[in-house]
Protein backbone atom coordinates (compact mmCIF):
# COMPACT_ATOMS: atom_id res chain seq x y z
CA MET A 1 0.00 -0.01 -0.02
CA THR A 2 1.39 3.42 -0.95
CA GLU A 3 1.43 6.11 1.73
CA MET A 4 -0.32 9.31 0.75
CA THR A 5 0.75 12.63 2.21
CA GLU A 6 -1.94 15.19 2.96
CA THR A 7 -0.98 18.35 1.11
CA ALA A 8 -4.04 20.51 1.83
CA SER A 9 -3.18 23.55 3.92
CA GLY A 10 -6.20 23.42 6.21
CA TRP A 11 -7.49 26.76 4.97
CA LEU A 12 -10.94 27.09 3.52
CA THR A 13 -11.75 29.47 0.72
CA PRO A 14 -14.04 32.35 1.82
CA ASP A 15 -17.01 30.61 0.21
CA GLU A 16 -16.18 27.27 1.82
CA LEU A 17 -15.79 28.95 5.24
CA GLU A 18 -19.11 30.74 4.88
CA ALA A 19 -20.81 27.45 3.94
CA ALA A 20 -19.21 25.62 6.87
CA ARG A 21 -20.18 28.42 9.32
CA ALA A 22 -23.76 28.12 8.18
CA ARG A 23 -23.87 24.36 8.89
CA MET A 24 -21.75 23.57 11.94
CA PRO A 25 -19.91 25.02 14.91
CA ILE A 26 -16.31 26.05 14.21
CA LEU A 27 -13.51 25.33 16.73
CA TYR A 28 -11.55 28.31 18.04
CA VAL A 29 -8.99 29.09 20.72
CA ASP A 30 -9.00 32.17 22.92
CA ALA A 31 -5.82 33.12 24.75
CA VAL A 32 -5.43 35.59 27.62
CA PRO A 33 -1.76 36.63 27.55
CA VAL A 34 -0.38 37.28 31.03
CA ARG A 35 2.83 38.29 32.76
CA VAL A 36 3.68 36.38 35.93
CA ASP A 37 6.11 37.08 38.70
CA ASP A 38 8.65 34.60 40.19
CA THR A 39 5.94 32.92 42.26
CA GLY A 40 3.65 32.41 39.26
CA THR A 41 1.21 35.12 40.30
CA VAL A 42 -0.37 37.00 37.40
CA THR A 43 0.80 40.60 37.50
CA HIS A 44 -0.46 41.88 34.13
CA VAL A 45 -2.96 40.95 31.42
CA GLY A 46 -2.35 41.79 27.78
CA LEU A 47 -5.16 43.08 25.54
CA LEU A 48 -5.20 43.89 21.86
CA LEU A 49 -6.88 46.91 20.36
CA ARG A 50 -8.63 46.01 17.08
CA ILE A 51 -10.88 47.50 14.45
CA GLY A 52 -13.81 45.19 13.77
CA SER A 53 -15.29 44.45 10.37
CA ASP A 54 -18.04 46.96 11.21
CA GLY A 55 -15.47 49.69 11.91
CA THR A 56 -15.78 49.66 15.70
CA VAL A 57 -12.64 49.75 17.85
CA SER A 58 -12.50 47.34 20.78
CA ARG A 59 -10.16 45.59 23.19
CA ALA A 60 -9.75 41.88 22.44
CA LEU A 61 -8.11 38.65 23.50
CA VAL A 62 -5.94 36.66 21.16
CA SER A 63 -8.36 34.47 19.24
CA GLY A 64 -8.59 32.40 16.11
CA ARG A 65 -9.70 29.20 14.37
CA VAL A 66 -8.11 25.80 14.78
CA LEU A 67 -7.25 24.49 11.33
CA HIS A 68 -8.11 21.04 10.02
CA HIS A 69 -5.48 18.58 11.23
CA GLU A 70 -3.89 21.14 13.59
CA ARG A 71 -3.26 20.42 17.27
CA VAL A 72 -4.86 22.86 19.70
CA ARG A 73 -1.42 23.69 21.17
CA ASP A 74 -0.14 24.54 17.70
CA ALA A 75 -3.17 26.74 17.02
CA LEU A 76 -2.53 28.62 20.29
CA LEU A 77 1.11 29.21 19.38
CA ARG A 78 0.21 30.26 15.81
CA HIS A 79 -2.37 32.82 16.94
CA LEU A 80 -0.15 34.17 19.76
CA GLU A 81 2.72 34.71 17.31
CA LYS A 82 0.35 36.12 14.66
CA ASP A 83 -1.11 38.71 17.04
CA LEU A 84 1.80 39.41 19.43
CA GLY A 85 4.85 38.95 17.22
CA PRO A 86 7.57 36.33 16.88
CA VAL A 87 9.41 37.24 20.09
CA ALA A 88 6.43 37.19 22.48
CA LEU A 89 7.76 33.87 23.84
CA PRO A 90 4.48 32.33 25.03
CA ARG A 91 4.86 29.45 27.49
CA VAL A 92 2.20 26.98 26.37
CA PRO A 93 2.47 23.69 28.27
CA ALA A 94 2.93 20.44 26.37
CA SER A 95 -0.63 19.46 27.22
CA PRO A 96 -2.62 22.70 27.69
CA GLN A 97 -5.88 22.63 29.66
CA PRO A 98 -8.53 25.29 29.00
CA PHE A 99 -9.91 27.23 31.93
CA THR A 100 -13.32 27.27 30.23
CA ILE A 101 -15.16 26.57 27.01
CA ALA A 102 -16.97 29.52 25.47
CA GLU A 103 -19.89 28.92 23.09
CA TYR A 104 -20.39 31.82 20.71
CA PHE A 105 -23.79 31.97 19.00
CA PRO A 106 -24.98 34.20 16.10
CA THR A 107 -28.19 34.80 18.10
CA PRO A 108 -27.57 37.28 20.94
CA GLY A 109 -28.54 36.17 24.46
CA VAL A 110 -28.15 32.38 24.14
CA THR A 111 -24.85 32.65 26.11
CA PRO A 112 -22.82 35.67 27.15
CA TYR A 113 -20.75 35.11 23.98
CA HIS A 114 -21.88 36.43 20.62
CA ASP A 115 -20.43 36.18 17.12
CA PRO A 116 -22.83 37.36 14.38
CA ARG A 117 -20.98 35.26 11.76
CA GLN A 118 -21.32 31.83 13.27
CA HIS A 119 -21.80 29.32 16.00
CA ALA A 120 -18.29 28.80 17.40
CA VAL A 121 -16.90 26.78 20.27
CA SER A 122 -13.74 28.21 21.79
CA LEU A 123 -11.31 26.60 24.19
CA ALA A 124 -10.00 29.40 26.41
CA TYR A 125 -6.52 29.47 27.94
CA VAL A 126 -4.41 31.71 30.19
CA VAL A 127 -0.95 31.85 28.61
CA PRO A 128 2.13 33.32 30.31
CA VAL A 129 4.18 35.42 27.87
CA ALA A 130 7.82 36.22 28.64
CA GLY A 131 9.02 38.19 25.62
CA ASP A 132 8.37 41.46 23.88
CA CYS A 133 4.93 41.88 22.35
CA SER A 134 4.09 44.09 19.41
CA PRO A 135 0.72 44.11 17.66
CA ARG A 136 0.58 42.50 14.24
CA GLN A 137 -1.98 41.65 11.60
CA ASP A 138 -5.16 43.67 12.17
CA ALA A 139 -4.32 44.82 15.69
CA LEU A 140 -3.79 48.55 16.24
CA ASP A 141 -2.17 48.25 19.65
CA PHE A 142 -1.30 45.89 22.48
CA ALA A 143 -1.21 47.00 26.11
CA TRP A 144 -0.54 45.45 29.49
CA PHE A 145 -3.01 46.06 32.33
CA THR A 146 -2.86 45.11 35.99
CA PRO A 147 -5.61 42.67 36.94
CA GLN A 148 -7.40 45.54 38.69
CA GLU A 149 -7.22 47.75 35.60
CA ALA A 150 -8.26 44.90 33.25
CA SER A 151 -11.33 44.13 35.34
CA SER A 152 -12.38 47.80 35.64
CA PRO A 153 -15.66 48.83 34.02
CA SER A 154 -13.84 51.26 31.71
CA VAL A 155 -11.71 48.46 30.17
CA LEU A 156 -14.43 45.78 30.20
CA GLN A 157 -16.85 48.05 28.32
CA GLU A 158 -14.26 48.34 25.49
CA MET A 159 -14.60 44.60 24.81
CA SER A 160 -17.29 43.05 22.64
CA GLY A 161 -18.89 39.68 21.93
CA GLY A 162 -18.64 38.53 25.52
CA GLN A 163 -14.87 38.69 25.71
CA ASP A 164 -15.29 40.84 28.83
CA VAL A 165 -16.97 37.85 30.51
CA LEU A 166 -14.17 35.57 29.32
CA LEU A 167 -11.55 37.99 30.72
CA LYS A 168 -13.27 38.03 34.12
CA GLN A 169 -13.44 34.23 34.11
CA ALA A 170 -9.70 34.07 33.34
CA LEU A 171 -8.89 36.48 36.17
CA ALA A 172 -11.08 34.46 38.57
CA HIS A 173 -9.38 31.25 37.39
CA VAL A 174 -5.95 32.59 38.32
CA GLY A 175 -7.21 34.11 41.59
CA ARG A 176 -6.82 37.71 40.43
CA LEU A 177 -10.38 39.00 40.12
CA PRO A 178 -10.61 41.87 42.61
């Protein structure tokens, strides 16, 4: 029997992605970049500043699709590098465990998470980052906030689609929700 090597890239064309989004949930990862001190305590949370497809500006977590035949760990690393740059130095464990699973629905109000494009299921992780971060791709800026600043109403209201809820869950998970 001859071995066949899969050569497809895992990317869908825009039409194929739209068709898939209309028929089934799509798997995503959400990452909350953090700085930790020598004891492992979270000292800062990193948030992107993005312009949405509708022209609105909002704070956001690192997020993106998991490709066909891609390990979740590899998807996390790919999206962290894509959004934070090649020297962000994320420390993703060999076997990452999500702190929660977020279900995004196109219909508002089903869960706290909303994505008008699709039904998506996202595995959410807190990821320590040790290197220098600089926004890339469609991000306008990247900033570090203390846990108190990140959980303040003024920062949370800058987030959309329920990512403010996800951020609060991440801070609670690491014991840093004031």
